[in-house]
N, C-alpha and C. Protein backbone atom coordinates (compact mmCIF):
# COMPACT_ATOMS: atom_id res chain seq x y z
N ILE A 1 169.94 198.25 67.45
CA ILE A 1 168.24 198.76 67.75
C ILE A 1 168.00 199.54 66.52
N GLY A 2 168.95 200.35 66.13
CA GLY A 2 168.88 201.65 65.15
C GLY A 2 169.08 200.95 63.73
N GLN A 3 169.58 199.48 63.35
CA GLN A 3 169.62 199.04 62.34
C GLN A 3 168.36 197.54 62.16
N ALA A 4 167.51 197.71 61.62
CA ALA A 4 166.61 196.68 61.77
C ALA A 4 166.73 195.69 60.69
N ARG A 5 167.35 195.88 59.71
CA ARG A 5 168.01 194.59 59.02
C ARG A 5 168.98 193.60 59.42
N VAL A 6 169.46 194.28 60.59
CA VAL A 6 170.73 193.35 61.40
C VAL A 6 169.62 192.66 62.06
N ASN A 7 169.33 191.06 61.89
CA ASN A 7 169.09 190.49 63.09
C ASN A 7 169.45 189.02 63.02
N LEU A 8 168.50 188.27 63.64
CA LEU A 8 168.96 186.99 63.57
C LEU A 8 167.67 186.11 64.61
N SER A 9 167.49 185.00 63.70
CA SER A 9 166.52 184.12 64.07
C SER A 9 167.06 182.68 64.27
N ILE A 10 166.90 182.06 65.07
CA ILE A 10 167.29 180.56 65.47
C ILE A 10 166.23 180.03 66.06
N GLY A 11 166.00 179.24 65.57
CA GLY A 11 164.85 178.13 65.74
C GLY A 11 165.31 176.92 66.73
N TRP A 12 164.92 176.48 67.73
CA TRP A 12 164.84 175.55 68.89
C TRP A 12 165.70 174.42 68.17
N ALA A 13 165.26 173.98 67.18
CA ALA A 13 165.62 172.59 66.61
C ALA A 13 166.99 172.60 66.32
N CYS A 14 167.39 173.76 66.20
CA CYS A 14 169.09 174.12 65.50
C CYS A 14 170.00 174.21 66.73
N VAL A 15 169.47 174.38 67.98
CA VAL A 15 170.23 174.62 69.29
C VAL A 15 170.68 173.53 69.88
N VAL A 16 171.97 173.21 70.01
CA VAL A 16 172.53 172.16 70.66
C VAL A 16 173.03 172.57 72.03
N SER A 17 173.21 173.69 72.40
CA SER A 17 173.75 173.81 73.80
C SER A 17 173.45 175.62 74.13
N ILE A 18 173.05 175.51 74.91
CA ILE A 18 172.86 177.20 75.86
C ILE A 18 174.07 177.12 77.40
N ASP A 19 175.07 177.87 77.28
CA ASP A 19 175.46 178.13 78.28
C ASP A 19 176.08 179.28 78.71
N LEU A 20 176.07 179.73 80.24
CA LEU A 20 176.34 181.18 80.97
C LEU A 20 177.63 181.03 81.11
N ARG A 21 179.10 182.05 80.95
CA ARG A 21 179.80 182.22 80.98
C ARG A 21 180.22 183.64 81.10
N ASP A 22 181.48 183.71 81.87
CA ASP A 22 182.10 185.25 81.91
C ASP A 22 182.62 185.43 80.21
N ALA A 23 182.25 186.73 79.99
CA ALA A 23 183.00 187.07 78.64
C ALA A 23 183.77 188.56 79.01
N GLN A 24 184.64 188.86 77.96
CA GLN A 24 185.25 189.92 78.20
C GLN A 24 184.94 190.85 76.69
N SER A 25 184.56 191.97 76.97
CA SER A 25 184.34 192.90 76.14
C SER A 25 184.85 194.22 76.18
N GLN A 26 185.67 194.65 75.22
CA GLN A 26 186.12 195.92 74.99
C GLN A 26 185.21 197.10 75.44
N LEU A 27 183.78 196.93 75.02
CA LEU A 27 183.02 198.00 75.63
C LEU A 27 182.53 198.37 76.78
N HIS A 28 182.13 196.72 77.36
CA HIS A 28 181.74 196.56 78.53
C HIS A 28 182.58 195.95 79.77
N GLY A 29 183.53 195.59 79.20
CA GLY A 29 184.58 194.74 80.40
C GLY A 29 183.98 193.45 80.17
N LYS A 30 184.39 192.84 81.70
CA LYS A 30 183.90 191.41 81.97
C LYS A 30 182.39 191.50 82.45
N ARG A 31 181.80 190.55 81.83
CA ARG A 31 180.49 190.57 82.36
C ARG A 31 179.90 189.14 81.81
N GLN A 32 178.65 188.87 82.22
CA GLN A 32 178.23 187.18 82.07
C GLN A 32 177.47 187.24 80.74
N ALA A 33 177.64 186.67 79.98
CA ALA A 33 176.94 186.22 78.62
C ALA A 33 176.68 184.70 78.08
N MET A 34 175.58 184.71 77.49
CA MET A 34 174.90 183.76 76.85
C MET A 34 175.43 183.09 75.67
N TYR A 35 176.17 181.80 75.66
CA TYR A 35 176.79 181.18 74.80
C TYR A 35 175.96 180.13 74.02
N VAL A 36 175.70 180.52 72.66
CA VAL A 36 174.64 179.08 72.17
C VAL A 36 175.22 178.56 70.70
N MET A 37 175.45 177.58 71.20
CA MET A 37 175.91 176.39 70.36
C MET A 37 174.96 176.14 69.15
N THR A 38 175.01 176.02 68.01
CA THR A 38 174.11 175.85 67.12
C THR A 38 174.59 175.01 65.83
N LYS A 39 173.62 174.24 64.99
CA LYS A 39 173.94 173.53 64.18
C LYS A 39 172.85 173.70 63.24
N PHE A 40 173.30 173.60 61.73
CA PHE A 40 172.34 173.67 60.70
C PHE A 40 173.12 172.87 59.40
N ASN A 41 172.38 171.83 59.24
CA ASN A 41 172.99 170.81 58.18
C ASN A 41 174.45 170.30 58.70
N THR A 42 175.35 170.35 57.84
CA THR A 42 176.81 169.94 58.73
C THR A 42 177.51 171.00 58.92
N SER A 43 177.02 172.35 59.25
CA SER A 43 177.67 173.53 59.71
C SER A 43 177.39 173.76 61.18
N ARG A 44 178.11 174.26 61.97
CA ARG A 44 178.22 174.67 63.67
C ARG A 44 178.41 175.99 63.47
N PHE A 45 177.54 176.89 64.53
CA PHE A 45 177.92 178.24 64.89
C PHE A 45 177.63 178.37 66.28
N GLU A 46 178.24 179.10 66.70
CA GLU A 46 178.24 179.71 68.09
C GLU A 46 178.00 181.33 68.16
N PHE A 47 177.00 181.43 68.66
CA PHE A 47 176.73 183.18 69.16
C PHE A 47 176.71 183.48 70.61
N VAL A 48 177.20 184.63 70.68
CA VAL A 48 177.40 185.14 71.88
C VAL A 48 176.41 186.37 72.38
N PHE A 49 175.80 186.34 73.44
CA PHE A 49 174.45 187.60 73.38
C PHE A 49 175.11 188.08 75.05
N ALA A 50 175.04 189.03 75.17
CA ALA A 50 175.29 190.08 76.63
C ALA A 50 174.03 190.93 76.68
N THR A 51 173.54 191.03 77.60
CA THR A 51 172.46 192.30 77.80
C THR A 51 172.45 192.72 79.41
N ASP A 52 171.97 193.96 79.84
CA ASP A 52 172.03 194.36 81.19
C ASP A 52 171.15 193.72 81.86
N ASP A 53 170.03 192.96 81.27
CA ASP A 53 169.03 192.35 82.42
C ASP A 53 169.31 191.02 81.98
N GLU A 54 169.91 190.15 82.93
CA GLU A 54 170.74 188.82 82.75
C GLU A 54 169.04 188.08 83.29
N SER A 55 168.40 188.36 83.66
CA SER A 55 167.31 187.64 84.00
C SER A 55 166.60 187.20 82.62
N LEU A 56 166.76 187.72 81.57
CA LEU A 56 166.58 186.83 80.29
C LEU A 56 167.26 185.83 80.07
N PHE A 57 168.40 185.35 80.19
CA PHE A 57 169.18 184.41 80.02
C PHE A 57 168.13 183.50 80.73
N ALA A 58 167.96 183.50 82.17
CA ALA A 58 167.17 182.50 82.29
C ALA A 58 166.09 182.09 81.98
N SER A 59 165.19 183.05 81.07
CA SER A 59 163.94 182.53 80.50
C SER A 59 164.51 181.68 79.25
N VAL A 60 165.43 182.19 78.77
CA VAL A 60 165.58 181.45 77.39
C VAL A 60 166.33 180.31 77.87
N GLN A 61 166.93 179.87 78.93
CA GLN A 61 167.34 178.82 79.62
C GLN A 61 165.93 177.59 79.41
N ALA A 62 165.13 178.32 80.36
CA ALA A 62 163.79 177.43 81.16
C ALA A 62 163.33 176.94 79.61
N VAL A 63 162.66 178.21 78.57
CA VAL A 63 161.91 177.76 77.51
C VAL A 63 162.90 176.73 76.69
N TYR A 64 164.20 176.81 76.53
CA TYR A 64 165.06 175.57 75.81
C TYR A 64 164.78 174.32 76.62
N ARG A 65 165.01 174.29 77.54
CA ARG A 65 164.80 173.26 78.41
C ARG A 65 163.38 172.32 78.54
N ALA A 66 162.29 173.59 78.18
CA ALA A 66 160.94 172.47 78.11
C ALA A 66 160.93 172.17 76.70
N TYR A 67 161.39 172.41 75.75
CA TYR A 67 161.43 172.52 74.13
C TYR A 67 162.18 170.75 74.67
N ASP A 68 163.56 171.06 74.66
CA ASP A 68 164.32 169.99 74.63
C ASP A 68 163.66 168.37 75.58
N THR A 69 162.84 168.61 76.55
CA THR A 69 162.61 167.65 77.13
C THR A 69 161.50 167.19 76.54
N SER A 70 160.74 167.73 75.75
CA SER A 70 159.50 167.31 74.94
C SER A 70 159.93 166.65 73.70
N ARG A 71 160.57 166.77 73.34
CA ARG A 71 161.29 166.28 71.79
C ARG A 71 160.34 165.15 71.40
N LEU A 72 160.13 164.04 72.42
CA LEU A 72 160.21 162.62 72.24
C LEU A 72 158.08 162.67 71.80
N PHE A 73 157.49 164.06 72.21
CA PHE A 73 156.03 164.22 71.94
C PHE A 73 155.85 164.69 70.80
N ARG A 74 157.16 165.29 69.76
CA ARG A 74 157.09 165.67 68.40
C ARG A 74 157.88 165.30 67.64
N ASP A 75 158.79 164.75 67.89
CA ASP A 75 160.24 164.33 66.81
C ASP A 75 160.27 162.65 66.90
N LEU A 76 160.73 162.22 65.70
CA LEU A 76 160.79 160.68 65.62
C LEU A 76 162.31 160.66 66.17
N LYS A 77 162.24 159.45 66.73
CA LYS A 77 163.57 158.83 67.53
C LYS A 77 163.91 157.48 67.28
N LEU A 78 165.10 157.64 66.69
CA LEU A 78 166.02 155.90 66.28
C LEU A 78 166.74 155.65 67.36
N ARG A 79 166.69 154.40 67.89
CA ARG A 79 167.67 154.07 68.97
C ARG A 79 167.77 155.04 70.00
N GLY A 80 166.56 155.07 70.72
CA GLY A 80 166.76 156.10 72.02
C GLY A 80 166.64 155.08 73.22
N ALA A 81 167.18 155.69 74.53
CA ALA A 81 166.76 154.89 75.72
C ALA A 81 165.59 155.00 76.24
N ILE A 82 164.84 154.43 75.54
CA ILE A 82 163.33 154.49 75.49
C ILE A 82 162.85 152.92 76.32
N ILE A 83 163.16 152.01 76.50
CA ILE A 83 162.83 150.65 76.64
C ILE A 83 163.96 150.32 77.76
N LYS A 84 163.31 149.73 78.76
CA LYS A 84 164.00 149.12 80.08
C LYS A 84 163.42 148.08 80.58
N SER A 85 163.95 146.78 80.28
CA SER A 85 163.31 145.42 81.10
C SER A 85 162.37 144.96 79.93
N GLN A 86 162.28 145.38 78.64
CA GLN A 86 160.98 145.06 78.03
C GLN A 86 160.08 145.86 78.17
N ARG A 87 160.04 147.18 79.11
CA ARG A 87 159.12 147.89 79.13
C ARG A 87 159.22 149.26 78.59
N LEU A 88 158.23 149.89 78.34
CA LEU A 88 158.41 151.27 77.53
C LEU A 88 158.31 152.28 78.76
N LEU A 89 159.22 153.29 78.63
CA LEU A 89 159.86 154.39 79.70
C LEU A 89 158.33 155.53 79.06
N LEU A 90 157.42 155.65 80.16
CA LEU A 90 156.58 156.53 79.45
C LEU A 90 156.66 158.10 79.83
N LEU A 91 156.80 158.96 78.90
CA LEU A 91 156.57 160.26 79.33
C LEU A 91 155.76 160.74 80.11
N PRO A 92 155.91 161.62 80.48
CA PRO A 92 154.88 162.80 81.72
C PRO A 92 153.66 162.71 80.84
N GLY A 93 152.49 162.00 81.33
CA GLY A 93 151.12 162.61 81.07
C GLY A 93 150.70 161.42 79.68
N GLU A 94 151.89 160.33 79.59
CA GLU A 94 151.52 159.28 78.62
C GLU A 94 150.91 158.21 79.18
N ILE A 95 149.90 157.61 78.25
CA ILE A 95 149.32 156.29 78.60
C ILE A 95 149.32 155.36 77.90
N MET A 96 149.72 154.13 78.07
CA MET A 96 149.65 152.97 77.71
C MET A 96 148.40 152.45 76.87
N VAL A 97 148.26 152.68 75.52
CA VAL A 97 146.53 151.93 75.22
C VAL A 97 146.76 150.49 74.67
N ASN A 98 147.77 150.08 74.25
CA ASN A 98 148.23 148.36 73.81
C ASN A 98 149.30 148.08 73.80
N ARG A 99 149.85 146.99 73.86
CA ARG A 99 151.18 145.90 73.76
C ARG A 99 150.77 145.10 72.66
N VAL A 100 151.20 144.95 71.63
CA VAL A 100 151.32 143.90 70.46
C VAL A 100 152.75 143.11 70.34
N ALA A 101 152.61 141.73 70.79
CA ALA A 101 154.05 141.19 70.69
C ALA A 101 154.09 140.29 69.22
N GLY A 102 154.98 140.19 68.57
CA GLY A 102 155.04 139.68 67.63
C GLY A 102 155.23 139.87 66.45
N VAL A 103 155.85 141.48 66.27
CA VAL A 103 155.73 142.08 65.11
C VAL A 103 157.12 142.21 64.52
N TRP A 104 157.37 141.73 63.21
CA TRP A 104 157.98 142.22 62.50
C TRP A 104 158.14 143.10 61.69
N ASN A 105 159.83 144.05 62.10
CA ASN A 105 160.41 145.19 61.08
C ASN A 105 160.90 144.56 60.05
N LEU A 106 160.03 144.80 58.85
CA LEU A 106 160.63 144.10 57.66
C LEU A 106 161.80 145.22 56.61
N SER A 107 162.15 145.98 57.39
CA SER A 107 162.81 147.68 56.73
C SER A 107 164.25 146.54 56.13
N SER A 108 164.80 145.91 56.91
CA SER A 108 165.58 145.15 56.73
C SER A 108 165.61 143.64 55.57
N ASP A 109 166.68 143.39 54.94
CA ASP A 109 166.33 141.73 54.29
C ASP A 109 166.04 140.69 55.10
N GLN A 110 166.66 140.41 56.37
CA GLN A 110 166.11 139.63 57.33
C GLN A 110 165.17 139.73 58.36
N GLY A 111 164.56 141.19 58.51
CA GLY A 111 163.45 141.34 59.37
C GLY A 111 164.06 141.26 60.80
N ASN A 112 162.89 141.64 61.74
CA ASN A 112 163.50 141.74 63.07
C ASN A 112 162.25 141.72 64.00
N LEU A 113 162.09 140.56 64.74
CA LEU A 113 160.96 140.32 65.61
C LEU A 113 161.26 141.46 66.69
N GLY A 114 159.74 142.08 66.96
CA GLY A 114 160.14 142.57 68.05
C GLY A 114 158.42 142.96 68.66
N THR A 115 158.05 144.08 69.39
CA THR A 115 157.16 144.37 70.23
C THR A 115 156.91 145.61 69.99
N PHE A 116 155.36 145.89 69.64
CA PHE A 116 154.69 146.98 69.39
C PHE A 116 153.97 147.80 70.99
N PHE A 117 154.21 149.00 71.08
CA PHE A 117 153.52 149.74 72.22
C PHE A 117 152.70 151.14 71.61
N LEU A 118 151.50 150.95 71.91
CA LEU A 118 150.34 152.04 71.11
C LEU A 118 150.01 152.90 72.66
N THR A 119 150.64 153.99 72.49
CA THR A 119 150.14 155.17 73.82
C THR A 119 149.09 156.05 73.00
N ASN A 120 148.75 157.14 74.18
CA ASN A 120 147.78 158.05 73.47
C ASN A 120 148.81 159.27 72.96
N VAL A 121 150.17 159.23 72.49
CA VAL A 121 151.06 160.06 71.67
C VAL A 121 151.73 159.68 70.81
N ARG A 122 151.98 158.42 70.85
CA ARG A 122 152.96 157.78 69.87
C ARG A 122 152.89 156.32 69.81
N LEU A 123 153.23 155.71 68.66
CA LEU A 123 154.21 154.36 68.21
C LEU A 123 155.41 154.15 68.52
N VAL A 124 155.52 152.88 69.15
CA VAL A 124 156.93 152.68 69.38
C VAL A 124 157.35 151.04 69.24
N TRP A 125 158.04 150.78 68.92
CA TRP A 125 158.64 149.62 68.30
C TRP A 125 160.12 149.04 68.95
N HIS A 126 160.30 148.16 69.32
CA HIS A 126 161.67 147.18 69.77
C HIS A 126 161.90 145.90 69.57
N ALA A 127 163.23 145.87 68.99
CA ALA A 127 163.42 144.69 68.56
C ALA A 127 163.68 143.65 69.89
N ASP A 128 162.98 142.49 70.07
CA ASP A 128 162.99 141.46 71.05
C ASP A 128 164.23 141.17 71.67
N ALA A 129 165.34 141.21 70.65
CA ALA A 129 166.59 140.69 70.97
C ALA A 129 167.47 141.58 71.19
N ALA A 130 166.97 142.94 70.97
CA ALA A 130 167.92 144.10 71.47
C ALA A 130 167.19 145.12 71.50
N GLU A 131 166.97 145.81 72.78
CA GLU A 131 165.96 147.02 73.19
C GLU A 131 166.44 148.04 72.63
N SER A 132 167.62 148.36 72.92
CA SER A 132 168.20 149.57 72.13
C SER A 132 168.27 150.06 70.47
N PHE A 133 167.73 148.73 69.67
CA PHE A 133 167.24 148.66 68.25
C PHE A 133 165.73 148.91 68.28
N ASN A 134 165.45 150.36 68.18
CA ASN A 134 164.03 150.64 68.56
C ASN A 134 163.70 152.00 67.49
N VAL A 135 162.40 151.97 67.65
CA VAL A 135 162.24 153.47 66.96
C VAL A 135 160.66 154.32 67.83
N SER A 136 160.74 155.63 67.80
CA SER A 136 159.69 156.08 68.54
C SER A 136 159.24 157.07 67.74
N ILE A 137 157.54 156.71 67.10
CA ILE A 137 156.93 157.92 66.20
C ILE A 137 156.02 158.13 66.74
N PRO A 138 156.04 159.61 67.33
CA PRO A 138 154.69 160.58 67.35
C PRO A 138 153.93 160.32 66.42
N TYR A 139 152.51 160.42 66.75
CA TYR A 139 151.33 160.01 66.02
C TYR A 139 151.53 161.56 64.83
N MET A 140 151.77 162.72 65.21
CA MET A 140 151.81 163.61 64.28
C MET A 140 153.16 163.71 63.30
N GLN A 141 154.18 162.78 63.59
CA GLN A 141 154.99 162.26 62.37
C GLN A 141 154.63 161.44 61.63
N ALA A 142 153.68 160.77 62.09
CA ALA A 142 153.13 159.18 61.16
C ALA A 142 152.00 159.98 59.73
N GLY A 143 152.61 159.49 58.86
CA GLY A 143 151.70 159.87 57.38
C GLY A 143 151.08 159.00 56.95
N SER A 144 150.79 157.80 57.20
CA SER A 144 149.77 156.48 56.53
C SER A 144 150.31 155.36 57.54
N CYS A 145 149.02 154.67 57.13
CA CYS A 145 149.21 153.14 57.63
C CYS A 145 148.74 152.39 56.69
N LEU A 146 148.92 151.61 55.71
CA LEU A 146 148.15 150.86 55.18
C LEU A 146 148.61 149.41 55.01
N ARG A 147 147.52 148.63 54.76
CA ARG A 147 147.55 147.35 54.51
C ARG A 147 147.67 146.61 53.21
N ARG A 148 148.64 145.74 52.91
CA ARG A 148 148.78 145.26 51.76
C ARG A 148 148.70 144.01 51.44
N SER A 149 148.69 142.95 50.37
CA SER A 149 148.67 141.94 50.28
C SER A 149 148.92 141.13 51.34
N ALA A 150 148.27 140.18 51.24
CA ALA A 150 148.13 138.72 52.63
C ALA A 150 149.67 138.34 52.58
N GLY A 151 149.77 138.10 53.84
CA GLY A 151 151.23 137.96 54.29
C GLY A 151 151.57 136.22 53.77
N SER A 152 152.68 135.89 53.80
CA SER A 152 152.93 134.51 53.56
C SER A 152 153.00 133.70 55.00
N ARG A 153 153.27 132.54 54.88
CA ARG A 153 153.40 131.62 56.25
C ARG A 153 152.35 132.03 57.11
N GLY A 154 150.86 132.26 56.65
CA GLY A 154 150.02 132.10 57.81
C GLY A 154 149.78 133.58 58.08
N THR A 155 150.96 134.67 58.07
CA THR A 155 150.47 135.94 59.05
C THR A 155 149.25 136.78 58.00
N ASP A 156 149.32 137.98 58.99
CA ASP A 156 148.37 138.53 58.64
C ASP A 156 148.95 139.70 57.49
N ALA A 157 148.23 140.41 56.60
CA ALA A 157 148.84 140.96 55.72
C ALA A 157 149.68 142.45 56.31
N PRO A 158 150.80 142.20 55.57
CA PRO A 158 151.66 143.29 56.13
C PRO A 158 151.26 144.77 55.99
N SER A 159 151.56 145.51 56.90
CA SER A 159 151.42 146.88 56.89
C SER A 159 152.31 147.50 56.52
N CYS A 160 152.64 148.92 56.30
CA CYS A 160 153.29 149.66 56.23
C CYS A 160 153.00 151.33 56.71
N LEU A 161 153.96 151.90 57.53
CA LEU A 161 153.77 153.19 58.21
C LEU A 161 154.90 153.78 57.51
N THR A 162 154.60 155.08 57.01
CA THR A 162 155.65 156.03 56.58
C THR A 162 155.47 157.42 57.57
N THR A 163 156.38 158.42 57.74
CA THR A 163 156.20 159.21 58.48
C THR A 163 156.55 160.30 57.67
N ASP A 164 156.22 161.74 58.60
CA ASP A 164 156.71 163.03 57.28
C ASP A 164 158.19 163.07 57.47
N GLU A 165 158.64 162.60 58.30
CA GLU A 165 160.31 162.78 58.40
C GLU A 165 160.93 161.88 58.00
N VAL A 166 161.22 160.63 57.79
CA VAL A 166 161.67 159.70 57.11
C VAL A 166 160.78 158.53 56.50
N HIS A 167 161.28 157.57 55.50
CA HIS A 167 160.34 156.46 55.15
C HIS A 167 161.26 155.47 56.09
N VAL A 168 160.39 154.89 57.44
CA VAL A 168 160.81 154.34 58.19
C VAL A 168 160.69 153.05 57.46
N ASP A 169 159.85 152.54 57.03
CA ASP A 169 158.96 151.43 56.48
C ASP A 169 159.38 150.28 57.29
N PRO A 170 158.56 150.16 58.16
CA PRO A 170 158.30 148.96 59.18
C PRO A 170 157.22 148.48 58.99
N ARG A 171 157.44 147.58 57.85
CA ARG A 171 156.17 146.85 57.33
C ARG A 171 156.16 145.55 58.46
N LEU A 172 154.88 145.81 58.80
CA LEU A 172 154.59 144.94 60.12
C LEU A 172 154.07 143.77 60.02
N GLN A 173 154.51 142.71 60.24
CA GLN A 173 153.70 141.53 60.02
C GLN A 173 153.37 140.76 61.72
N VAL A 174 152.29 140.27 61.78
CA VAL A 174 152.12 139.78 62.87
C VAL A 174 151.88 138.15 62.55
N ARG A 175 152.79 137.42 63.10
CA ARG A 175 153.18 135.81 63.34
C ARG A 175 151.95 135.06 63.53
N ARG A 176 151.91 133.98 62.63
CA ARG A 176 150.85 132.62 62.70
C ARG A 176 150.46 132.80 64.00
N GLY A 177 149.07 132.48 64.61
CA GLY A 177 149.05 132.25 65.97
C GLY A 177 148.33 133.50 66.54
N ALA A 178 148.72 134.67 65.69
CA ALA A 178 148.11 135.95 66.12
C ALA A 178 147.24 136.67 65.36
N ARG A 179 146.51 135.96 64.72
CA ARG A 179 145.70 136.50 63.49
C ARG A 179 144.59 137.22 63.79
N GLY A 180 144.68 138.44 63.45
CA GLY A 180 143.28 139.34 64.04
C GLY A 180 143.96 140.23 64.63
N ARG A 181 145.07 140.25 65.25
CA ARG A 181 145.50 141.41 66.40
C ARG A 181 146.31 142.28 65.16
N GLY A 182 146.54 141.79 64.00
CA GLY A 182 147.12 143.19 62.99
C GLY A 182 145.90 143.86 62.78
N HIS A 183 144.90 143.53 62.34
CA HIS A 183 143.79 144.28 62.17
C HIS A 183 143.58 145.55 63.00
N GLU A 184 143.54 144.89 64.35
CA GLU A 184 143.19 145.61 65.64
C GLU A 184 144.40 147.18 65.58
N ALA A 185 145.66 146.46 65.52
CA ALA A 185 146.91 147.23 65.88
C ALA A 185 146.97 148.21 64.54
N VAL A 186 146.46 147.69 63.11
CA VAL A 186 146.38 148.68 62.08
C VAL A 186 145.41 149.82 62.48
N ARG A 187 144.05 149.39 62.90
CA ARG A 187 142.97 150.44 63.56
C ARG A 187 143.25 151.12 64.59
N ARG A 188 144.22 150.85 65.45
CA ARG A 188 144.66 151.94 66.68
C ARG A 188 145.72 152.97 66.09
N LEU A 189 146.52 152.06 65.01
CA LEU A 189 147.53 153.20 64.24
C LEU A 189 146.55 154.15 63.45
N ARG A 190 145.75 154.31 63.09
CA ARG A 190 145.02 154.83 61.96
C ARG A 190 144.49 155.46 62.77
N THR A 191 143.73 155.66 64.03
CA THR A 191 143.01 156.46 64.90
C THR A 191 144.15 157.45 65.65
N GLY A 192 145.36 156.73 66.14
CA GLY A 192 146.19 157.65 66.54
C GLY A 192 146.83 158.63 65.35
N ILE A 193 147.09 158.51 63.93
CA ILE A 193 147.48 159.19 63.19
C ILE A 193 146.14 160.35 62.98
N SER A 194 145.38 159.75 62.77
CA SER A 194 144.25 160.60 62.88
C SER A 194 144.13 161.94 63.77
N TYR A 195 144.45 161.44 65.14
CA TYR A 195 144.06 162.11 66.45
C TYR A 195 145.64 163.22 66.24
N GLY A 196 146.89 162.70 66.09
CA GLY A 196 147.85 163.57 66.05
C GLY A 196 148.01 164.64 64.93
N SER A 197 147.36 164.18 63.79
CA SER A 197 147.20 165.09 62.38
C SER A 197 146.60 166.28 63.00
N SER A 198 144.94 165.83 63.75
CA SER A 198 144.22 166.85 63.95
C SER A 198 145.06 167.96 65.30
N ARG A 199 145.41 167.27 65.98
CA ARG A 199 146.09 167.97 66.88
C ARG A 199 147.60 169.03 66.48
N ALA A 200 148.12 168.28 65.11
CA ALA A 200 149.12 169.34 64.97
C ALA A 200 148.41 170.59 64.42
N HIS A 201 147.38 170.09 63.78
CA HIS A 201 146.76 171.18 62.83
C HIS A 201 146.09 172.47 63.70
N GLU A 202 145.86 172.07 64.68
CA GLU A 202 145.36 172.56 65.96
C GLU A 202 146.15 173.54 66.64
N ASP A 203 147.75 172.95 66.64
CA ASP A 203 148.42 173.66 67.25
C ASP A 203 149.15 174.94 66.45
């Protein structure tokens, strides 16, 4: 307290785990301490905190739990456990808006055929052949949604979705026979991106 320049700030995104264990201190003897495991880039750090008011530990754990369980509302997630039996596992308060089948993820050379889920908070795509091959993109992470030149084989024009975190580049093609649904998907994406961006600025 007497040295204001001796301080530490840990962002929640850097926290890996928080545990309570007994610690031995030469000054205070055996007492309960909070062990905070963190990571930053390729480095890992562990910090140990002790206080006379141990109720503070419970408050820290509760806040971190709330942050950790709400990551999918804010953070882009690749290959997550978010699809079960071709159905999207909805988050608390999440509402399904639309489902678009026959959507190609062309980020690889061959491409992968999958399904779009549009909700009130995010866009989710998964490969039909492998549910674990998926991506969850909150609208606040989506940077843009653009239509490009007309696609081949009678498909709708491909669309490119970029995010603020990484360039996922799922150029999205809708198969022959579903013409027009690509326009609707892009329209809904743009609406969601605009809504998510406005909410992010408000927060």
